[in-house]
Amino acid sequence: MTFIPDDYKTFFSKNGDNKDILYHICANVFYISDLFDEYEYEKGIKILEQAELECC
């Protein structure tokens, strides 16, 4: 969570220079989610779900 900037909506905007980063996260959301599920990392699951709903 410390790696997610406070202004992540702007930082990872689809129209900005960082759209490739957002693409990689969205394209691999199922793999990341499975990893969090396997280790029962609830905080990561919630953050990923929020990011997916707001950005992807």
C-alpha atoms as a PDB file:
ATOM      1  CA  MET A   1       0.000   0.000   0.000  1.00  0.00           C
ATOM      2  CA  THR A   2       2.913   2.367   0.612  1.00  0.00           C
ATOM      3  CA  PHE A   3       3.741   2.205  -3.091  1.00  0.00           C
ATOM      4  CA  ILE A   4       0.331   3.543  -4.129  1.00  0.00           C
ATOM      5  CA  PRO A   5       0.505   7.352  -4.426  1.00  0.00           C
ATOM      6  CA  ASP A   6      -2.278   9.400  -2.791  1.00  0.00           C
ATOM      7  CA  ASP A   7      -3.169  10.873  -6.175  1.00  0.00           C
ATOM      8  CA  TYR A   8      -3.194   7.491  -7.914  1.00  0.00           C
ATOM      9  CA  LYS A   9      -6.281   8.366  -9.985  1.00  0.00           C
ATOM     10  CA  THR A  10      -4.336  11.207 -11.582  1.00  0.00           C
ATOM     11  CA  PHE A  11      -0.976   9.432 -11.555  1.00  0.00           C
ATOM     12  CA  PHE A  12      -2.340   6.325 -13.278  1.00  0.00           C
ATOM     13  CA  SER A  13      -4.821   8.138 -15.517  1.00  0.00           C
ATOM     14  CA  LYS A  14      -5.565   6.366 -18.771  1.00  0.00           C
ATOM     15  CA  ASN A  15      -4.620   9.459 -20.756  1.00  0.00           C
ATOM     16  CA  GLY A  16      -1.303  10.131 -19.035  1.00  0.00           C
ATOM     17  CA  ASP A  17       2.204   8.838 -19.547  1.00  0.00           C
ATOM     18  CA  ASN A  18       1.658   6.159 -16.926  1.00  0.00           C
ATOM     19  CA  LYS A  19      -1.151   4.378 -18.775  1.00  0.00           C
ATOM     20  CA  ASP A  20       1.149   1.409 -19.419  1.00  0.00           C
ATOM     21  CA  ILE A  21       1.487   0.842 -15.661  1.00  0.00           C
ATOM     22  CA  LEU A  22      -2.287   0.895 -15.254  1.00  0.00           C
ATOM     23  CA  TYR A  23      -2.648  -1.492 -18.209  1.00  0.00           C
ATOM     24  CA  HIS A  24      -0.266  -4.018 -16.642  1.00  0.00           C
ATOM     25  CA  ILE A  25      -2.131  -3.922 -13.344  1.00  0.00           C
ATOM     26  CA  CYS A  26      -5.542  -4.282 -15.000  1.00  0.00           C
ATOM     27  CA  ALA A  27      -4.358  -6.968 -17.419  1.00  0.00           C
ATOM     28  CA  ASN A  28      -3.030  -9.068 -14.544  1.00  0.00           C
ATOM     29  CA  VAL A  29      -5.668  -8.367 -11.907  1.00  0.00           C
ATOM     30  CA  PHE A  30      -6.758 -12.008 -11.795  1.00  0.00           C
ATOM     31  CA  TYR A  31      -3.217 -13.249 -11.149  1.00  0.00           C
ATOM     32  CA  ILE A  32      -2.620 -10.652  -8.459  1.00  0.00           C
ATOM     33  CA  SER A  33      -5.997 -11.442  -6.900  1.00  0.00           C
ATOM     34  CA  ASP A  34      -5.221 -15.175  -6.862  1.00  0.00           C
ATOM     35  CA  LEU A  35      -1.921 -14.474  -5.149  1.00  0.00           C
ATOM     36  CA  PHE A  36      -3.638 -12.390  -2.455  1.00  0.00           C
ATOM     37  CA  ASP A  37      -6.317 -15.089  -2.050  1.00  0.00           C
ATOM     38  CA  GLU A  38      -3.713 -17.833  -1.696  1.00  0.00           C
ATOM     39  CA  TYR A  39      -2.013 -15.996   1.153  1.00  0.00           C
ATOM     40  CA  GLU A  40      -5.305 -14.678   2.573  1.00  0.00           C
ATOM     41  CA  TYR A  41      -4.076 -11.090   2.357  1.00  0.00           C
ATOM     42  CA  GLU A  42      -7.373  -9.264   2.906  1.00  0.00           C
ATOM     43  CA  LYS A  43      -5.889  -5.770   2.824  1.00  0.00           C
ATOM     44  CA  GLY A  44      -4.387  -6.409  -0.616  1.00  0.00           C
ATOM     45  CA  ILE A  45      -7.643  -7.853  -1.924  1.00  0.00           C
ATOM     46  CA  LYS A  46      -9.602  -4.771  -0.822  1.00  0.00           C
ATOM     47  CA  ILE A  47      -7.066  -2.357  -2.310  1.00  0.00           C
ATOM     48  CA  LEU A  48      -6.981  -4.281  -5.590  1.00  0.00           C
ATOM     49  CA  GLU A  49     -10.787  -4.345  -5.815  1.00  0.00           C
ATOM     50  CA  GLN A  50     -10.936  -0.590  -5.190  1.00  0.00           C
ATOM     51  CA  ALA A  51      -8.268   0.133  -7.797  1.00  0.00           C
ATOM     52  CA  GLU A  52      -9.999  -2.122 -10.316  1.00  0.00           C
ATOM     53  CA  LEU A  53     -13.364  -0.417  -9.838  1.00  0.00           C
ATOM     54  CA  GLU A  54     -11.962   3.108  -9.975  1.00  0.00           C
ATOM     55  CA  CYS A  55      -9.272   2.765 -12.638  1.00  0.00           C
ATOM     56  CA  CYS A  56      -9.670  -0.262 -14.896  1.00  0.00           C
END
